[in-house]
Amino acid sequence: MSQRQERFTHVTCIPAGLLLSAAILLLVVCILSTTSAPVLSQGGPTPTPWPALQQNGDGLPPLPPAWPVPTPSLASVPAPTASPSPTVLPASLPDCPPQARLTAPRVNEVIKDEIQVKGTANIENFAYYKFEFKREDVEDEWHWVESFETAVKEGVLGIWNVSNLPEGTYTFRLTVVNAQGNYPFPPCEVRVQVKH
């Protein structure tokens, strides 16, 4: 055999030897994990007897049986779920006195183009009531919408058109003013969402 053939044979035998060693180690682990050892009456375990390894024709022990490979099924794959949508809080009434109260829009209500404003604007020595708003998600001040000179009790106060406003969070308020120019009750404010 030439020197080149010896080197080639030597190199190819090393991986086969490693594979054989791994197979023997796996066989030993399998045998140890399936063999139970009896316990002596004096409280200590007895040595586990080693079964005689049968050899095949080349003098090596047989390879252990192949481990079962689980087959994936579609039933075990979870169905995709939709990503959670933003939580929209239920609309509720603002905490305002009955003489200067909004019943629409409600807290957290989504307004698309316009809304019919409802409630009560009815105080002693009534002069007028007004609508104002300000944007909450940016630095802003109050913007006058409209004023009305007729008192209303549990009815339609007016219309608030938001079609020209950018989407965002707004606070809308109703202020009821008396003949002396004062408002004896704090303005009734409601936070809403404008979405087009």
Protein backbone atom coordinates (compact mmCIF):
# COMPACT_ATOMS: atom_id res chain seq x y z
CA MET A 1 0.00 0.00 0.00
CA SER A 2 1.42 3.39 -0.88
CA GLN A 3 1.99 6.09 1.67
CA ARG A 4 -0.77 8.16 0.12
CA GLN A 5 -3.28 5.28 0.42
CA GLU A 6 -2.30 4.71 4.08
CA ARG A 7 -2.90 8.36 4.92
CA PHE A 8 -6.30 8.29 3.18
CA THR A 9 -7.32 5.06 4.93
CA HIS A 10 -6.20 6.41 8.30
CA VAL A 11 -8.15 9.65 7.87
CA THR A 12 -11.39 7.93 6.84
CA CYS A 13 -11.20 5.51 9.77
CA ILE A 14 -11.21 8.22 12.42
CA PRO A 15 -14.74 9.45 11.74
CA ALA A 16 -16.02 5.88 11.52
CA GLY A 17 -14.38 5.17 14.88
CA LEU A 18 -16.01 8.24 16.41
CA LEU A 19 -19.36 7.18 15.04
CA LEU A 20 -18.92 3.70 16.48
CA SER A 21 -17.94 5.12 19.90
CA ALA A 22 -21.01 7.34 19.92
CA ALA A 23 -23.22 4.38 19.03
CA ILE A 24 -21.73 2.27 21.84
CA LEU A 25 -22.18 5.12 24.34
CA LEU A 26 -25.80 5.52 23.24
CA LEU A 27 -26.36 1.78 23.65
CA VAL A 28 -24.95 1.85 27.17
CA VAL A 29 -27.15 4.79 28.12
CA CYS A 30 -30.21 3.01 26.72
CA ILE A 31 -29.42 -0.17 28.66
CA LEU A 32 -28.81 1.75 31.90
CA SER A 33 -32.02 3.74 31.58
CA THR A 34 -34.18 0.65 30.98
CA THR A 35 -32.63 -1.68 33.56
CA SER A 36 -33.87 -1.45 37.11
CA ALA A 37 -31.73 -2.53 39.99
CA PRO A 38 -33.14 -4.57 42.88
CA VAL A 39 -32.64 -3.19 46.38
CA LEU A 40 -30.96 -5.33 49.04
CA SER A 41 -32.63 -5.86 52.36
CA GLN A 42 -29.70 -4.06 54.01
CA GLY A 43 -30.71 -0.84 52.22
CA GLY A 44 -28.11 -0.53 49.45
CA PRO A 45 -28.53 -1.11 45.72
CA THR A 46 -26.96 -4.08 44.07
CA PRO A 47 -24.79 -3.62 41.05
CA THR A 48 -26.74 -3.71 37.82
CA PRO A 49 -25.75 -6.78 35.82
CA TRP A 50 -24.49 -6.02 32.32
CA PRO A 51 -26.04 -8.17 29.67
CA ALA A 52 -23.64 -9.83 27.34
CA LEU A 53 -23.22 -7.73 24.25
CA GLN A 54 -23.78 -9.78 21.18
CA GLN A 55 -21.41 -9.10 18.39
CA ASN A 56 -22.17 -9.10 14.74
CA GLY A 57 -19.87 -10.56 12.10
CA ASP A 58 -17.24 -7.78 12.30
CA GLY A 59 -16.74 -8.16 16.06
CA LEU A 60 -18.64 -5.00 16.97
CA PRO A 61 -21.86 -4.79 18.97
CA PRO A 62 -24.99 -4.01 16.95
CA LEU A 63 -26.25 -0.43 16.74
CA PRO A 64 -29.23 0.43 18.95
CA PRO A 65 -32.63 0.68 17.30
CA ALA A 66 -33.54 4.04 15.82
CA TRP A 67 -35.52 6.38 18.06
CA PRO A 68 -39.02 7.18 16.85
CA VAL A 69 -39.29 10.62 15.30
CA PRO A 70 -42.57 12.42 16.05
CA THR A 71 -44.54 13.39 12.98
CA PRO A 72 -45.93 16.91 13.19
CA SER A 73 -49.63 17.26 12.60
CA LEU A 74 -51.68 20.29 11.74
CA ALA A 75 -53.83 19.69 14.80
CA SER A 76 -50.90 20.45 17.10
CA VAL A 77 -50.03 23.75 15.41
CA PRO A 78 -51.82 26.64 17.10
CA ALA A 79 -53.98 28.74 14.83
CA PRO A 80 -52.67 32.25 14.22
CA THR A 81 -54.41 34.92 16.22
CA ALA A 82 -55.07 38.47 15.19
CA SER A 83 -52.96 41.09 16.89
CA PRO A 84 -54.85 42.84 19.63
CA SER A 85 -56.55 46.04 18.59
CA PRO A 86 -56.36 49.15 20.75
CA THR A 87 -58.77 49.09 23.61
CA VAL A 88 -61.61 51.56 23.20
CA LEU A 89 -63.11 52.47 26.52
CA PRO A 90 -66.90 52.50 26.72
CA ALA A 91 -68.48 55.92 26.34
CA SER A 92 -69.90 57.35 29.55
CA LEU A 93 -71.42 60.61 30.76
CA PRO A 94 -69.15 63.30 32.19
CA ASP A 95 -69.54 64.21 35.86
CA CYS A 96 -71.30 67.58 35.56
CA PRO A 97 -74.08 69.42 37.43
CA PRO A 98 -77.60 68.98 35.98
CA GLN A 99 -77.88 72.73 35.10
CA ALA A 100 -74.82 72.61 32.79
CA ARG A 101 -74.56 69.04 31.57
CA LEU A 102 -73.58 67.20 28.38
CA THR A 103 -75.25 63.91 27.49
CA ALA A 104 -73.72 63.79 23.98
CA PRO A 105 -70.94 63.48 23.12
CA ARG A 106 -69.99 60.99 25.81
CA VAL A 107 -66.57 60.39 27.35
CA ASN A 108 -64.26 58.51 24.89
CA GLU A 109 -66.81 58.71 22.09
CA VAL A 110 -65.40 58.56 18.55
CA ILE A 111 -66.59 61.41 16.32
CA LYS A 112 -66.14 61.15 12.55
CA ASP A 113 -67.57 64.30 10.91
CA GLU A 114 -70.05 65.97 13.21
CA ILE A 115 -72.07 65.24 16.32
CA GLN A 116 -75.35 66.50 17.65
CA VAL A 117 -74.50 67.98 21.06
CA LYS A 118 -77.17 67.17 23.67
CA GLY A 119 -77.70 68.04 27.29
CA THR A 120 -78.86 70.90 29.51
CA ALA A 121 -77.86 74.58 29.64
CA ASN A 122 -80.35 76.12 32.04
CA ILE A 123 -79.26 78.23 35.02
CA GLU A 124 -80.80 81.08 37.01
CA ASN A 125 -80.34 84.46 35.22
CA PHE A 126 -79.34 82.60 32.03
CA ALA A 127 -77.56 84.72 29.37
CA TYR A 128 -75.98 82.22 26.95
CA TYR A 129 -73.97 79.04 26.62
CA LYS A 130 -70.97 78.30 24.44
CA PHE A 131 -69.04 75.37 22.98
CA GLU A 132 -65.24 75.24 23.04
CA PHE A 133 -62.63 72.59 22.34
CA LYS A 134 -58.91 71.97 22.59
CA ARG A 135 -56.66 69.25 21.30
CA GLU A 136 -55.12 67.05 23.99
CA ASP A 137 -52.30 65.23 22.19
CA VAL A 138 -50.45 68.51 21.43
CA GLU A 139 -49.95 71.81 23.25
CA ASP A 140 -53.17 73.72 22.59
CA GLU A 141 -55.55 76.36 23.95
CA TRP A 142 -59.35 76.57 23.99
CA HIS A 143 -61.04 77.35 20.66
CA TRP A 144 -64.50 78.89 20.56
CA VAL A 145 -67.03 76.98 18.39
CA GLU A 146 -70.39 78.71 18.83
CA SER A 147 -72.63 80.53 21.37
CA PHE A 148 -76.39 80.20 21.88
CA GLU A 149 -78.79 82.59 23.69
CA THR A 150 -81.67 80.18 24.37
CA ALA A 151 -81.71 77.96 27.44
CA VAL A 152 -82.17 74.22 26.81
CA LYS A 153 -83.29 71.56 29.25
CA GLU A 154 -82.49 67.96 28.28
CA GLY A 155 -82.41 68.54 24.54
CA VAL A 156 -80.30 69.37 21.51
CA LEU A 157 -77.80 72.12 22.28
CA GLY A 158 -76.26 72.38 18.80
CA ILE A 159 -73.96 70.69 16.28
CA TRP A 160 -70.17 70.31 16.54
CA ASN A 161 -68.58 69.79 13.13
CA VAL A 162 -65.12 68.16 13.38
CA SER A 163 -64.57 67.40 9.67
CA ASN A 164 -61.86 70.08 9.40
CA LEU A 165 -60.01 68.95 12.55
CA PRO A 166 -57.05 66.54 12.42
CA GLU A 167 -57.53 63.14 14.02
CA GLY A 168 -56.65 62.99 17.69
CA THR A 169 -57.89 63.35 21.25
CA TYR A 170 -59.91 66.47 22.06
CA THR A 171 -61.67 67.94 25.06
CA PHE A 172 -65.04 69.50 24.26
CA ARG A 173 -66.71 71.75 26.81
CA LEU A 174 -70.00 73.45 27.49
CA THR A 175 -69.91 76.68 29.51
CA VAL A 176 -73.18 78.22 30.72
CA VAL A 177 -72.97 81.97 31.51
CA ASN A 178 -75.41 84.10 33.56
CA ALA A 179 -76.51 87.72 32.99
CA GLN A 180 -73.66 89.02 35.16
CA GLY A 181 -71.08 87.35 32.85
CA ASN A 182 -70.21 84.62 35.35
CA TYR A 183 -70.65 80.90 35.15
CA PRO A 184 -71.93 79.65 38.50
CA PHE A 185 -71.10 76.03 37.57
CA PRO A 186 -67.78 74.82 36.22
CA PRO A 187 -67.75 74.07 32.49
CA CYS A 188 -68.86 70.55 31.60
CA GLU A 189 -65.95 68.86 29.80
CA VAL A 190 -65.82 65.62 27.86
CA ARG A 191 -62.79 63.98 26.23
CA VAL A 192 -63.48 62.51 22.77
CA GLN A 193 -61.63 60.94 19.82
CA VAL A 194 -61.80 62.50 16.36
CA LYS A 195 -61.29 59.93 13.58
CA HIS A 196 -62.12 60.35 9.89
